[in-house]
Protein backbone atom coordinates (compact mmCIF):
# COMPACT_ATOMS: atom_id res chain seq x y z
CA MET A 1 68.46 69.59 73.75
CA ILE A 2 69.63 69.08 70.36
CA LEU A 3 71.31 72.18 68.56
CA VAL A 4 70.70 72.26 64.63
CA MET A 5 73.19 74.40 63.04
CA GLY A 6 71.67 75.53 59.76
CA GLY A 7 68.09 74.59 60.91
CA ASN A 8 66.55 76.92 58.37
CA GLY A 9 68.19 74.94 55.44
CA PHE A 10 66.67 72.30 53.41
CA ILE A 11 67.79 69.18 55.32
CA GLY A 12 67.91 71.17 58.50
CA TYR A 13 64.48 72.39 58.67
CA ASN A 14 63.06 68.97 57.67
CA LEU A 15 65.03 67.46 60.53
CA VAL A 16 63.71 70.37 63.05
CA LYS A 17 59.97 69.80 62.06
CA ARG A 18 60.47 65.90 62.64
CA PHE A 19 62.52 66.34 66.00
CA ALA A 20 60.35 69.06 67.51
CA GLN A 21 57.56 66.88 67.65
CA LYS A 22 58.92 65.09 70.55
CA GLU A 23 61.64 67.00 72.17
CA LYS A 24 63.25 70.69 72.44
CA VAL A 25 64.92 71.90 69.62
CA LYS A 26 67.61 74.86 69.40
CA VAL A 27 68.18 76.28 65.82
CA PHE A 28 71.02 78.32 64.74
CA ASP A 29 70.94 80.10 61.48
CA ARG A 30 71.12 83.41 59.76
CA THR A 31 67.50 83.58 59.19
CA TRP A 32 64.14 81.67 60.15
CA THR A 33 61.60 81.70 57.50
CA HIS A 34 59.00 79.29 59.00
CA GLY A 35 57.41 81.73 61.70
CA SER A 36 55.75 79.81 64.35
CA GLU A 37 55.08 76.71 62.50
CA CYS A 38 57.06 74.25 64.77
CA LYS A 39 56.54 74.50 68.57
CA ASN A 40 59.56 73.64 71.08
CA VAL A 41 62.04 75.48 68.95
CA GLU A 42 64.36 78.06 70.26
CA LEU A 43 65.87 80.41 67.81
CA GLU A 44 69.61 81.74 67.87
CA MET A 45 70.15 83.92 64.70
CA GLY A 46 73.75 84.63 63.99
CA ASN A 47 76.86 84.43 61.34
CA PHE A 48 78.45 81.14 61.44
CA GLN A 49 81.83 82.88 61.01
CA HIS A 50 81.48 85.14 63.86
CA THR A 51 79.59 83.42 66.61
CA ASP A 52 80.05 82.65 70.36
CA PHE A 53 79.52 78.90 70.19
CA GLU A 54 79.97 78.61 74.03
CA LYS A 55 77.02 80.83 74.53
CA ILE A 56 74.68 78.99 71.94
CA LEU A 57 75.78 75.48 73.31
CA GLU A 58 73.96 76.04 76.85
CA ASP A 59 71.77 73.27 77.89
CA VAL A 60 72.71 71.51 74.51
CA ASP A 61 73.89 67.63 74.64
CA THR A 62 73.85 66.97 70.70
CA VAL A 63 74.70 69.06 67.97
CA PHE A 64 73.51 68.42 64.02
CA HIS A 65 75.82 70.31 61.84
CA PHE A 66 73.95 71.05 58.46
CA ILE A 67 75.79 74.55 57.65
CA SER A 68 77.82 74.72 54.27
CA SER A 69 78.37 77.91 52.31
CA SER A 70 79.78 76.21 49.28
CA THR A 71 78.66 74.08 46.16
CA PRO A 72 80.70 72.20 43.58
CA PHE A 73 82.51 74.28 41.22
CA ASP A 74 85.56 74.05 39.12
CA GLY A 75 88.84 75.71 40.35
CA THR A 76 90.47 76.88 43.33
CA ASP A 77 89.52 80.39 43.26
CA ASN A 78 87.39 79.97 46.41
CA LEU A 79 89.41 77.81 48.28
CA GLN A 80 90.54 80.38 50.91
CA ALA A 81 87.00 81.85 51.39
CA ASP A 82 85.53 78.41 51.74
CA ILE A 83 88.13 77.32 54.72
CA GLU A 84 87.26 80.52 56.34
CA GLU A 85 83.59 80.01 56.11
CA ASN A 86 83.40 76.43 56.68
CA LEU A 87 86.41 74.64 58.07
CA LEU A 88 87.47 77.21 60.56
CA PRO A 89 84.09 77.94 62.28
CA THR A 90 83.41 73.95 62.49
CA VAL A 91 86.77 73.89 64.10
CA ARG A 92 85.69 76.71 66.62
CA LEU A 93 82.58 74.87 67.14
CA LEU A 94 84.18 71.48 68.01
CA ASP A 95 86.55 73.49 70.37
CA ALA A 96 83.44 75.22 72.13
CA MET A 97 81.68 71.65 72.20
CA ARG A 98 85.03 70.40 74.20
CA LYS A 99 84.90 73.28 76.64
CA LYS A 100 81.06 72.83 77.40
CA LYS A 101 81.22 69.00 77.43
CA VAL A 102 78.83 68.48 74.75
CA LYS A 103 79.58 65.02 73.65
CA LYS A 104 77.79 64.45 70.37
CA ILE A 105 77.90 65.80 66.85
CA PHE A 106 76.55 64.59 63.69
CA PHE A 107 78.00 66.25 60.43
CA VAL A 108 76.17 65.92 57.17
CA SER A 109 78.92 65.13 54.50
CA SER A 110 78.61 64.57 50.83
CA GLY A 111 78.16 61.09 49.63
CA GLY A 112 77.86 62.28 46.17
CA THR A 113 81.10 63.92 45.85
CA ILE A 114 83.56 62.89 48.70
CA TYR A 115 84.79 59.43 47.13
CA GLY A 116 85.67 60.76 43.56
CA GLU A 117 84.88 58.83 40.59
CA CYS A 118 83.30 55.38 41.56
CA THR A 119 83.61 52.24 39.70
CA GLY A 120 81.19 50.53 42.02
CA PRO A 121 78.89 51.39 45.20
CA ALA A 122 81.35 53.23 47.49
CA ARG A 123 81.72 51.86 51.01
CA GLU A 124 82.34 53.88 54.04
CA THR A 125 85.74 52.07 54.33
CA ASP A 126 86.87 53.09 50.92
CA LYS A 127 89.31 55.74 50.12
CA ILE A 128 87.90 59.36 49.81
CA SER A 129 89.34 61.25 46.77
CA PRO A 130 87.68 64.66 46.68
CA GLU A 131 87.60 66.10 43.28
CA CYS A 132 86.54 69.63 44.02
CA VAL A 133 86.82 72.21 46.86
CA TYR A 134 83.31 71.36 48.09
CA ALA A 135 84.00 67.82 48.50
CA ALA A 136 87.66 68.79 50.00
CA GLN A 137 86.25 71.04 52.66
CA LYS A 138 83.65 68.04 53.60
CA ALA A 139 86.69 65.79 54.00
CA TRP A 140 88.58 68.16 56.11
CA ILE A 141 85.56 68.68 58.46
CA GLU A 142 85.09 64.75 58.74
CA THR A 143 88.98 64.56 59.91
CA SER A 144 88.51 67.36 62.52
CA VAL A 145 85.16 65.62 63.85
CA HIS A 146 87.47 62.38 63.84
CA LEU A 147 90.42 64.19 65.88
CA TYR A 148 88.09 65.77 68.50
CA GLU A 149 86.57 62.26 68.94
CA LYS A 150 90.06 60.79 69.44
CA TYR A 151 91.44 63.28 71.89
CA ASP A 152 88.50 64.87 73.54
CA ASP A 153 85.80 62.27 73.69
CA ILE A 154 83.40 63.70 71.50
CA GLN A 155 81.13 61.12 69.38
CA GLY A 156 81.53 62.41 65.84
CA TYR A 157 78.90 60.86 63.46
CA ILE A 158 79.37 61.45 59.55
CA LEU A 159 76.32 61.03 57.53
CA ARG A 160 77.61 60.70 53.81
CA ILE A 161 74.23 61.64 52.04
CA GLY A 162 73.53 61.12 48.12
CA ASN A 163 71.76 63.67 46.33
CA PRO A 164 68.81 64.70 48.26
CA TYR A 165 65.58 66.32 46.92
CA GLY A 166 62.09 67.45 47.61
CA LEU A 167 59.88 70.38 48.40
CA GLU A 168 61.43 73.22 50.13
CA ILE A 169 59.21 74.25 53.04
CA ASN A 170 59.31 77.98 52.17
CA LYS A 171 57.71 76.94 48.98
CA LYS A 172 59.98 79.40 46.98
CA LYS A 173 63.34 77.24 46.73
CA ARG A 174 63.97 73.91 45.08
CA GLN A 175 66.66 71.59 46.34
CA GLY A 176 68.37 69.42 43.61
CA ILE A 177 68.13 68.83 39.90
CA ILE A 178 64.82 66.87 40.07
CA PRO A 179 62.82 69.87 41.66
CA ILE A 180 64.73 72.45 39.07
CA PHE A 181 64.08 70.07 36.10
CA THR A 182 60.56 69.41 36.92
CA GLU A 183 59.41 72.93 37.39
CA LYS A 184 61.34 74.12 34.16
CA ILE A 185 59.60 71.14 32.30
CA ILE A 186 56.21 72.11 33.50
CA LYS A 187 56.96 75.85 32.47
CA GLY A 188 58.06 74.63 29.07
CA GLU A 189 61.68 76.30 29.76
CA SER A 190 64.82 75.00 28.51
CA ILE A 191 67.06 72.60 30.66
CA GLU A 192 70.91 73.20 30.99
CA ILE A 193 72.98 69.86 31.24
CA TRP A 194 76.63 70.09 31.56
CA GLY A 195 78.29 67.26 29.37
CA ASN A 196 76.12 64.38 27.70
CA GLY A 197 73.71 63.73 30.54
CA GLU A 198 75.18 60.16 31.19
CA ASN A 199 76.70 61.13 34.47
CA ARG A 200 75.14 59.20 37.30
CA ARG A 201 74.20 59.75 40.94
CA ASP A 202 72.30 58.49 43.93
CA TYR A 203 69.05 60.67 44.44
CA ILE A 204 67.00 60.15 47.55
CA TYR A 205 63.91 61.70 48.85
CA ILE A 206 63.92 64.19 51.77
CA ASP A 207 61.77 62.09 53.99
CA GLU A 208 63.89 59.06 53.57
CA VAL A 209 67.16 61.12 54.62
CA ILE A 210 65.55 62.24 57.73
CA ASP A 211 64.43 58.55 58.50
CA ALA A 212 68.06 57.74 58.09
CA ILE A 213 69.47 60.54 60.39
CA GLU A 214 66.91 59.59 63.02
CA ALA A 215 68.17 55.89 62.81
CA VAL A 216 71.67 57.05 63.16
CA TYR A 217 70.83 59.26 66.08
CA SER A 218 69.16 56.19 68.03
CA TYR A 219 72.37 54.10 67.32
CA ARG A 220 74.54 53.39 70.17
CA GLY A 221 77.41 50.92 68.12
CA GLU A 222 80.84 51.55 67.38
CA TYR A 223 80.65 52.96 63.70
CA ARG A 224 80.97 56.65 63.06
CA ILE A 225 80.48 56.88 59.11
CA PHE A 226 77.28 56.01 57.43
CA ASN A 227 76.36 56.33 53.85
CA VAL A 228 72.93 57.52 53.02
CA GLY A 229 71.18 56.71 49.86
CA THR A 230 68.98 54.41 47.87
CA GLY A 231 71.93 52.03 46.83
CA SER A 232 71.41 52.57 43.03
CA SER A 233 72.22 55.33 40.70
CA CYS A 234 70.31 57.27 37.88
CA SER A 235 71.69 59.08 34.85
CA THR A 236 70.62 62.75 34.50
CA ARG A 237 68.85 61.70 31.30
CA GLU A 238 67.05 58.75 33.31
CA ILE A 239 66.01 61.42 35.84
CA ILE A 240 64.50 63.87 33.07
CA GLU A 241 62.58 60.56 31.16
CA GLN A 242 61.15 59.96 34.48
CA ILE A 243 60.01 63.42 34.96
CA GLU A 244 58.76 63.73 31.62
CA SER A 245 56.68 60.54 32.24
CA VAL A 246 55.07 61.57 35.33
CA VAL A 247 54.28 65.33 34.06
CA GLY A 248 53.34 64.29 30.65
CA LYS A 249 55.51 66.97 28.75
CA GLN A 250 59.00 66.82 27.01
CA ALA A 251 62.03 68.61 28.24
CA GLN A 252 63.71 71.22 26.16
CA ILE A 253 67.64 70.07 26.72
CA VAL A 254 70.75 72.68 25.96
CA TYR A 255 73.84 70.85 26.23
CA GLY A 256 77.04 72.31 27.79
CA GLU A 257 80.51 71.59 28.18
CA ARG A 258 81.20 69.19 31.05
CA ARG A 259 82.50 70.68 34.01
CA LYS A 260 85.66 69.12 35.74
CA CYS A 261 84.04 69.00 39.10
CA ASP A 262 81.10 66.87 37.70
CA LEU A 263 81.79 63.08 38.38
CA GLN A 264 80.74 60.69 35.91
CA GLU A 265 79.62 57.88 38.16
CA SER A 266 78.65 58.11 41.91
CA GLN A 267 76.92 55.47 44.10
CA LEU A 268 76.74 54.50 47.52
CA ASP A 269 76.89 51.05 49.21
CA VAL A 270 74.36 51.37 51.98
CA SER A 271 74.50 47.93 53.44
CA LEU A 272 76.23 49.18 56.82
CA ILE A 273 73.38 51.63 58.06
CA TYR A 274 70.96 48.91 57.51
CA LYS A 275 73.05 46.31 59.38
CA GLU A 276 73.87 48.64 62.21
CA CYS A 277 70.54 50.86 62.34
CA GLY A 278 68.16 48.95 60.52
CA TRP A 279 67.29 51.64 58.01
CA LYS A 280 66.81 51.13 54.47
CA CYS A 281 65.38 53.26 51.64
CA LYS A 282 61.94 52.58 50.73
CA LEU A 283 61.22 54.84 47.79
CA THR A 284 62.42 54.30 44.30
CA VAL A 285 63.61 57.56 42.55
CA ARG A 286 60.28 56.91 40.25
CA GLN A 287 58.23 56.86 43.34
CA GLY A 288 59.99 59.95 45.21
CA ILE A 289 59.66 61.97 41.85
CA GLU A 290 55.79 61.02 41.94
CA MET A 291 55.55 62.04 45.56
CA TYR A 292 57.17 65.44 44.93
CA ILE A 293 55.27 66.29 41.94
CA LYS A 294 52.00 65.32 44.19
CA LYS A 295 53.17 67.64 46.77
CA LEU A 296 54.34 70.45 44.16
CA LYS A 297 50.67 70.37 42.55
CA ALA A 298 49.19 70.45 45.87
CA GLN A 299 50.80 74.02 47.00
């Protein structure tokens, strides 16, 4: 059985929906907002900071870890809280896995922040350079996973995902700037951009993300860290122009001061996951935006 930590979230639920079609899935999260939509799902509700992990690991052989309480922000004001809410519970989870002899974990890291400023497509072997607390806690957790693999024989797979976007299953939330900007453009509301709009990211549609995770799940090779993205980057301005073109309306943009945590350039080299796992992104950003808007209109 697989355990999905954060199975009610954006990536987590899309994974649950896919995997529950073929095997038993245990979900851990604070809440569950999907009723009985998925069969083969066993629910465990709780707080990540205060959970008996050994109990919820019963009958589990693989863990997917999607829980994160933080987002990129400037400064160090929430550093202690971030450690207490994300790093320490993850270490307790890994320790419980060691005790219960659960031998595999997949951790979703941040391809969009962990490398710092990029001068070209970042490879998995490149030095990481977190520029905000959010990226730093991802790096700390990656290191913890590595240590438990080295000393306790827990296979730890790191998925450094770019900037995922798509329609949230509960139809109330939007994930990423593409859904947020799309909704505001359609409604005629203003869009706030920090900086000049020329910062670049690797945006990837959620279905492609789940395909990539599934490919790594089936992998039996020696590599442990994989970038997941399209392999190309788009600026914020380019994303807005694509949305404008698809919906046929012009955006109202308000520019604000650039935040220190916002990288100017982030791009992923995805050749390793293709070479080792046979996965390659099929959709361009334009195609992903068109697919998202089509699903949005069908609600």
